[in-house]
C-alpha atoms as a PDB file:
ATOM      1  CA  MET A   1     -34.898  25.405  23.586  1.00  0.00           C
ATOM      2  CA  ALA A   2     -32.067  23.036  22.901  1.00  0.00           C
ATOM      3  CA  THR A   3     -30.588  22.795  19.469  1.00  0.00           C
ATOM      4  CA  GLY A   4     -28.976  19.689  18.132  1.00  0.00           C
ATOM      5  CA  SER A   5     -25.946  19.397  15.965  1.00  0.00           C
ATOM      6  CA  SER A   6     -24.985  16.386  13.996  1.00  0.00           C
ATOM      7  CA  MET A   7     -21.505  16.038  12.627  1.00  0.00           C
ATOM      8  CA  PRO A   8     -20.676  13.276  10.145  1.00  0.00           C
ATOM      9  CA  PRO A   9     -17.851  10.902  11.039  1.00  0.00           C
ATOM     10  CA  MET A  10     -14.445  12.311  10.159  1.00  0.00           C
ATOM     11  CA  LEU A  11     -11.417  10.455   8.867  1.00  0.00           C
ATOM     12  CA  ARG A  12      -7.985  10.964  10.377  1.00  0.00           C
ATOM     13  CA  LEU A  13      -5.205  10.785   7.793  1.00  0.00           C
ATOM     14  CA  LYS A  14      -1.877   9.542   9.114  1.00  0.00           C
ATOM     15  CA  ARG A  15       1.364   8.029   7.928  1.00  0.00           C
ATOM     16  CA  SER A  16       1.218   4.280   8.319  1.00  0.00           C
ATOM     17  CA  THR A  17       3.594   2.615  10.755  1.00  0.00           C
ATOM     18  CA  GLN A  18       4.283   0.192   7.875  1.00  0.00           C
ATOM     19  CA  SER A  19       6.232   2.956   6.075  1.00  0.00           C
ATOM     20  CA  GLN A  20       9.840   1.784   6.066  1.00  0.00           C
ATOM     21  CA  THR A  21      12.639   0.176   4.048  1.00  0.00           C
ATOM     22  CA  TYR A  22      11.857  -3.362   2.866  1.00  0.00           C
ATOM     23  CA  ALA A  23      14.480  -5.899   1.835  1.00  0.00           C
ATOM     24  CA  MET A  24      13.355  -7.701  -1.303  1.00  0.00           C
ATOM     25  CA  SER A  25      14.010 -11.407  -1.634  1.00  0.00           C
ATOM     26  CA  VAL A  26      14.193 -12.856  -5.134  1.00  0.00           C
ATOM     27  CA  GLY A  27      11.150 -15.072  -5.694  1.00  0.00           C
ATOM     28  CA  ALA A  28       9.358 -14.338  -2.402  1.00  0.00           C
ATOM     29  CA  TRP A  29       6.391 -12.009  -1.858  1.00  0.00           C
ATOM     30  CA  VAL A  30       6.985  -9.371   0.829  1.00  0.00           C
ATOM     31  CA  THR A  31       3.958  -7.752   2.475  1.00  0.00           C
ATOM     32  CA  VAL A  32       4.567  -3.994   2.572  1.00  0.00           C
ATOM     33  CA  TYR A  33       1.079  -2.866   3.630  1.00  0.00           C
ATOM     34  CA  SER A  34      -1.763  -4.787   5.230  1.00  0.00           C
ATOM     35  CA  GLU A  35      -4.782  -3.212   6.884  1.00  0.00           C
ATOM     36  CA  SER A  36      -8.338  -4.096   7.775  1.00  0.00           C
ATOM     37  CA  CYS A  37     -10.882  -2.376   9.947  1.00  0.00           C
ATOM     38  CA  SER A  38     -14.375  -3.035  11.275  1.00  0.00           C
ATOM     39  CA  LEU A  39     -15.588   0.185   9.612  1.00  0.00           C
ATOM     40  CA  ALA A  40     -14.982   1.779   6.246  1.00  0.00           C
ATOM     41  CA  PHE A  41     -11.481   3.210   5.935  1.00  0.00           C
ATOM     42  CA  LEU A  42      -9.311   4.655   3.214  1.00  0.00           C
ATOM     43  CA  PHE A  43      -5.948   3.336   2.141  1.00  0.00           C
ATOM     44  CA  ALA A  44      -4.813   6.848   1.256  1.00  0.00           C
ATOM     45  CA  GLY A  45      -2.056   5.786  -1.125  1.00  0.00           C
ATOM     46  CA  CYS A  46       1.676   5.270  -1.053  1.00  0.00           C
ATOM     47  CA  SER A  47       4.936   6.097  -2.760  1.00  0.00           C
ATOM     48  CA  ILE A  48       7.460   3.392  -3.560  1.00  0.00           C
ATOM     49  CA  ASP A  49      11.055   4.400  -4.329  1.00  0.00           C
ATOM     50  CA  LEU A  50      12.512   2.162  -7.046  1.00  0.00           C
ATOM     51  CA  SER A  51      15.684   4.222  -7.557  1.00  0.00           C
ATOM     52  CA  ASN A  52      17.864   1.272  -6.412  1.00  0.00           C
ATOM     53  CA  MET A  53      16.825  -0.864  -9.394  1.00  0.00           C
ATOM     54  CA  GLN A  54      19.443  -1.684 -12.026  1.00  0.00           C
ATOM     55  CA  ALA A  55      19.478  -3.402 -15.418  1.00  0.00           C
ATOM     56  CA  GLY A  56      18.299  -7.000 -15.021  1.00  0.00           C
ATOM     57  CA  ASP A  57      16.085  -6.258 -11.992  1.00  0.00           C
ATOM     58  CA  THR A  58      12.337  -6.855 -12.069  1.00  0.00           C
ATOM     59  CA  ILE A  59      10.032  -5.990  -9.181  1.00  0.00           C
ATOM     60  CA  LEU A  60       6.335  -6.865  -9.118  1.00  0.00           C
ATOM     61  CA  VAL A  61       3.849  -4.808  -7.104  1.00  0.00           C
ATOM     62  CA  ARG A  62       0.564  -6.552  -6.289  1.00  0.00           C
ATOM     63  CA  ILE A  63      -2.509  -4.929  -4.722  1.00  0.00           C
ATOM     64  CA  SER A  64      -5.268  -7.149  -3.331  1.00  0.00           C
ATOM     65  CA  LYS A  65      -8.538  -6.284  -1.657  1.00  0.00           C
ATOM     66  CA  GLN A  66     -10.875  -8.221   0.613  1.00  0.00           C
ATOM     67  CA  LEU A  67     -14.482  -7.637  -0.502  1.00  0.00           C
ATOM     68  CA  VAL A  68     -16.459  -9.593   2.116  1.00  0.00           C
ATOM     69  CA  SER A  69     -16.016 -10.197   5.817  1.00  0.00           C
ATOM     70  CA  GLY A  70     -13.912 -13.290   6.359  1.00  0.00           C
ATOM     71  CA  GLY A  71     -13.343 -13.734   2.615  1.00  0.00           C
ATOM     72  CA  GLY A  72     -10.049 -14.109   0.865  1.00  0.00           C
ATOM     73  CA  TYR A  73      -8.140 -11.348  -0.867  1.00  0.00           C
ATOM     74  CA  ILE A  74      -8.715 -10.902  -4.585  1.00  0.00           C
ATOM     75  CA  LEU A  75      -6.286  -9.347  -7.024  1.00  0.00           C
ATOM     76  CA  HIS A  76      -7.038  -5.660  -7.571  1.00  0.00           C
ATOM     77  CA  ASP A  77      -3.975  -4.791  -9.696  1.00  0.00           C
ATOM     78  CA  GLN A  78      -0.450  -6.029 -10.440  1.00  0.00           C
ATOM     79  CA  VAL A  79       2.345  -4.201 -12.274  1.00  0.00           C
ATOM     80  CA  ALA A  80       5.917  -5.253 -13.119  1.00  0.00           C
ATOM     81  CA  TYR A  81       8.781  -2.740 -13.134  1.00  0.00           C
ATOM     82  CA  SER A  82      11.994  -3.709 -14.924  1.00  0.00           C
ATOM     83  CA  GLY A  83      15.493  -2.281 -15.179  1.00  0.00           C
ATOM     84  CA  ALA A  84      16.827   1.015 -13.897  1.00  0.00           C
ATOM     85  CA  GLN A  85      13.985   3.462 -13.418  1.00  0.00           C
ATOM     86  CA  PRO A  86      14.108   6.904 -15.087  1.00  0.00           C
ATOM     87  CA  ALA A  87      16.355   9.293 -13.137  1.00  0.00           C
ATOM     88  CA  GLY A  88      13.705  12.002 -13.159  1.00  0.00           C
ATOM     89  CA  HIS A  89      10.927   9.695 -11.952  1.00  0.00           C
ATOM     90  CA  PRO A  90      12.247   6.728  -9.915  1.00  0.00           C
ATOM     91  CA  ALA A  91       9.207   6.458  -7.630  1.00  0.00           C
ATOM     92  CA  ILE A  92       5.766   5.032  -8.284  1.00  0.00           C
ATOM     93  CA  ALA A  93       2.516   6.044  -6.611  1.00  0.00           C
ATOM     94  CA  ILE A  94      -0.441   3.901  -5.685  1.00  0.00           C
ATOM     95  CA  SER A  95      -3.726   5.801  -5.577  1.00  0.00           C
ATOM     96  CA  PRO A  96      -6.184   5.736  -2.667  1.00  0.00           C
ATOM     97  CA  ILE A  97      -8.432   2.680  -2.273  1.00  0.00           C
ATOM     98  CA  PRO A  98     -11.559   2.758  -0.086  1.00  0.00           C
ATOM     99  CA  SER A  99     -12.239  -0.453   1.820  1.00  0.00           C
ATOM    100  CA  VAL A 100     -14.092  -2.002   4.706  1.00  0.00           C
ATOM    101  CA  TYR A 101     -12.589  -5.458   4.975  1.00  0.00           C
ATOM    102  CA  GLY A 102      -8.965  -5.116   3.914  1.00  0.00           C
ATOM    103  CA  VAL A 103      -6.233  -3.922   1.575  1.00  0.00           C
ATOM    104  CA  LEU A 104      -2.986  -5.827   1.017  1.00  0.00           C
ATOM    105  CA  ILE A 105       0.071  -4.636  -0.928  1.00  0.00           C
ATOM    106  CA  GLU A 106       2.892  -7.051  -1.666  1.00  0.00           C
ATOM    107  CA  MET A 107       6.113  -6.805  -3.631  1.00  0.00           C
ATOM    108  CA  GLN A 108       8.315  -9.463  -5.171  1.00  0.00           C
ATOM    109  CA  GLN A 109      11.685  -9.188  -6.835  1.00  0.00           C
ATOM    110  CA  SER A 110      11.418 -11.760  -9.613  1.00  0.00           C
ATOM    111  CA  ALA A 111      14.797 -11.151 -11.291  1.00  0.00           C
ATOM    112  CA  GLY A 112      18.130  -9.495 -10.583  1.00  0.00           C
ATOM    113  CA  VAL A 113      19.950  -8.683  -7.367  1.00  0.00           C
ATOM    114  CA  ALA A 114      17.790  -8.367  -4.238  1.00  0.00           C
ATOM    115  CA  ARG A 115      17.305  -4.663  -3.506  1.00  0.00           C
ATOM    116  CA  ASN A 116      16.071  -2.550  -0.619  1.00  0.00           C
ATOM    117  CA  VAL A 117      12.930  -0.559  -1.389  1.00  0.00           C
ATOM    118  CA  ASN A 118      11.698   2.471   0.562  1.00  0.00           C
ATOM    119  CA  LEU A 119       7.938   2.810   0.941  1.00  0.00           C
ATOM    120  CA  GLU A 120       5.771   5.496   2.521  1.00  0.00           C
ATOM    121  CA  SER A 121       2.062   4.746   2.930  1.00  0.00           C
ATOM    122  CA  TYR A 122      -0.899   6.570   4.442  1.00  0.00           C
ATOM    123  CA  ASP A 123      -4.312   5.519   5.671  1.00  0.00           C
ATOM    124  CA  ALA A 124      -7.349   7.307   6.997  1.00  0.00           C
ATOM    125  CA  LYS A 125      -9.653   5.893   9.623  1.00  0.00           C
ATOM    126  CA  ARG A 126     -12.591   7.194  11.586  1.00  0.00           C
ATOM    127  CA  LEU A 127     -11.579   9.384  14.512  1.00  0.00           C
ATOM    128  CA  GLY A 128     -11.171   7.317  17.652  1.00  0.00           C
ATOM    129  CA  LEU A 129      -9.977   4.134  15.912  1.00  0.00           C
ATOM    130  CA  PRO A 130      -6.329   2.990  16.022  1.00  0.00           C
END
Protein backbone atom coordinates (compact mmCIF):
# COMPACT_ATOMS: atom_id res chain seq x y z
CA MET A 1 0.00 0.00 0.00
CA ALA A 2 1.42 3.34 -0.98
CA THR A 3 1.40 6.19 1.45
CA GLY A 4 1.27 9.78 0.41
CA SER A 5 3.04 12.70 1.94
CA SER A 6 2.15 16.28 1.40
CA MET A 7 4.58 19.00 2.32
CA PRO A 8 3.48 22.64 2.32
CA PRO A 9 5.45 25.07 0.18
CA MET A 10 8.58 26.32 1.91
CA LEU A 11 10.12 29.77 1.74
CA ARG A 12 13.82 30.25 1.11
CA LEU A 13 15.26 33.21 3.00
CA LYS A 14 18.21 34.90 1.33
CA ARG A 15 20.09 38.16 1.31
CA SER A 16 18.84 40.33 -1.51
CA THR A 17 21.21 41.19 -4.33
CA GLN A 18 19.96 44.77 -3.81
CA SER A 19 21.95 44.95 -0.54
CA GLN A 20 24.69 47.49 -1.18
CA THR A 21 25.86 51.07 -0.66
CA TYR A 22 23.56 53.69 -2.20
CA ALA A 23 24.62 57.24 -3.04
CA MET A 24 21.91 59.66 -1.99
CA SER A 25 21.11 62.61 -4.21
CA VAL A 26 19.53 65.66 -2.60
CA GLY A 27 15.93 65.94 -3.80
CA ALA A 28 15.79 62.69 -5.81
CA TRP A 29 14.19 59.40 -4.76
CA VAL A 30 16.56 56.42 -4.94
CA THR A 31 15.06 52.93 -5.19
CA VAL A 32 16.90 50.70 -2.71
CA TYR A 33 14.62 47.64 -2.87
CA SER A 34 12.07 46.59 -5.46
CA GLU A 35 10.56 43.13 -5.74
CA SER A 36 7.49 41.46 -7.13
CA CYS A 37 6.63 37.84 -7.68
CA SER A 38 3.84 35.80 -9.25
CA LEU A 39 3.28 34.04 -5.90
CA ALA A 40 3.15 35.22 -2.32
CA PHE A 41 6.57 36.17 -0.98
CA LEU A 42 7.98 37.85 2.09
CA PHE A 43 10.07 40.98 2.13
CA ALA A 44 11.93 39.73 5.19
CA GLY A 45 13.13 43.15 6.34
CA CYS A 46 16.23 45.27 6.09
CA SER A 47 18.73 47.31 8.04
CA ILE A 48 19.73 50.78 6.91
CA ASP A 49 22.93 52.32 8.30
CA LEU A 50 22.47 56.06 8.86
CA SER A 51 25.74 56.56 10.75
CA ASN A 52 27.05 58.91 8.01
CA MET A 53 24.36 61.51 8.73
CA GLN A 54 25.42 64.84 10.22
CA ALA A 55 23.66 67.93 11.57
CA GLY A 56 21.56 69.49 8.81
CA ASP A 57 20.96 66.18 6.98
CA THR A 58 17.47 64.78 6.48
CA ILE A 59 16.78 61.42 4.84
CA LEU A 60 13.29 60.15 4.06
CA VAL A 61 12.54 56.43 3.86
CA ARG A 62 9.38 55.49 1.95
CA ILE A 63 7.82 52.02 1.76
CA SER A 64 5.16 51.33 -0.87
CA LYS A 65 3.20 48.20 -1.66
CA GLN A 66 1.32 47.03 -4.73
CA LEU A 67 -2.02 45.51 -3.66
CA VAL A 68 -3.47 44.33 -6.99
CA SER A 69 -1.96 42.82 -10.11
CA GLY A 70 -0.99 45.57 -12.51
CA GLY A 71 -1.98 48.29 -10.02
CA GLY A 72 0.14 51.15 -8.85
CA TYR A 73 2.12 51.27 -5.63
CA ILE A 74 0.44 52.82 -2.61
CA LEU A 75 2.21 54.39 0.33
CA HIS A 76 2.61 51.91 3.19
CA ASP A 77 4.81 54.06 5.47
CA GLN A 78 7.20 57.03 5.32
CA VAL A 79 9.59 58.25 8.02
CA ALA A 80 12.05 61.18 8.08
CA TYR A 81 15.39 60.94 9.90
CA SER A 82 17.22 64.18 10.70
CA GLY A 83 20.65 65.10 11.99
CA ALA A 84 23.39 62.86 13.32
CA GLN A 85 21.92 59.58 14.50
CA PRO A 86 22.59 58.34 18.05
CA ALA A 87 26.05 56.75 18.31
CA GLY A 88 24.66 53.69 20.05
CA HIS A 89 21.89 53.15 17.49
CA PRO A 90 22.76 54.58 14.04
CA ALA A 91 20.84 51.95 12.05
CA ILE A 92 17.12 51.58 11.43
CA ALA A 93 15.23 48.36 10.75
CA ILE A 94 12.27 47.79 8.50
CA SER A 95 10.09 44.87 9.57
CA PRO A 96 8.96 42.04 7.28
CA ILE A 97 6.11 42.72 4.84
CA PRO A 98 4.20 39.88 3.15
CA SER A 99 3.20 40.56 -0.44
CA VAL A 100 2.09 39.02 -3.69
CA TYR A 101 2.32 41.87 -6.16
CA GLY A 102 5.22 44.03 -5.00
CA VAL A 103 7.16 45.93 -2.36
CA LEU A 104 9.15 49.09 -3.10
CA ILE A 105 11.52 50.92 -0.74
CA GLU A 106 12.89 54.31 -1.71
CA MET A 107 15.08 56.86 0.04
CA GLN A 108 15.54 60.57 -0.52
CA GLN A 109 17.98 62.99 1.02
CA SER A 110 15.88 66.14 1.33
CA ALA A 111 18.43 68.36 3.12
CA GLY A 112 22.15 68.50 3.84
CA VAL A 113 25.15 67.02 2.09
CA ALA A 114 24.50 63.96 -0.09
CA ARG A 115 25.59 60.87 1.84
CA ASN A 116 26.26 57.22 1.09
CA VAL A 117 23.93 54.81 2.87
CA ASN A 118 24.58 51.10 3.42
CA LEU A 119 21.56 48.82 3.22
CA GLU A 120 21.14 45.09 3.77
CA SER A 121 17.81 43.53 2.82
CA TYR A 122 16.39 40.01 2.81
CA ASP A 123 13.50 38.32 1.06
CA ALA A 124 11.93 34.90 1.16
CA LYS A 125 10.38 33.19 -1.82
CA ARG A 126 8.97 29.77 -2.51
CA LEU A 127 11.64 27.16 -3.16
CA GLY A 128 12.41 26.92 -6.85
CA LEU A 129 11.75 30.59 -7.66
CA PRO A 130 14.58 33.07 -8.37
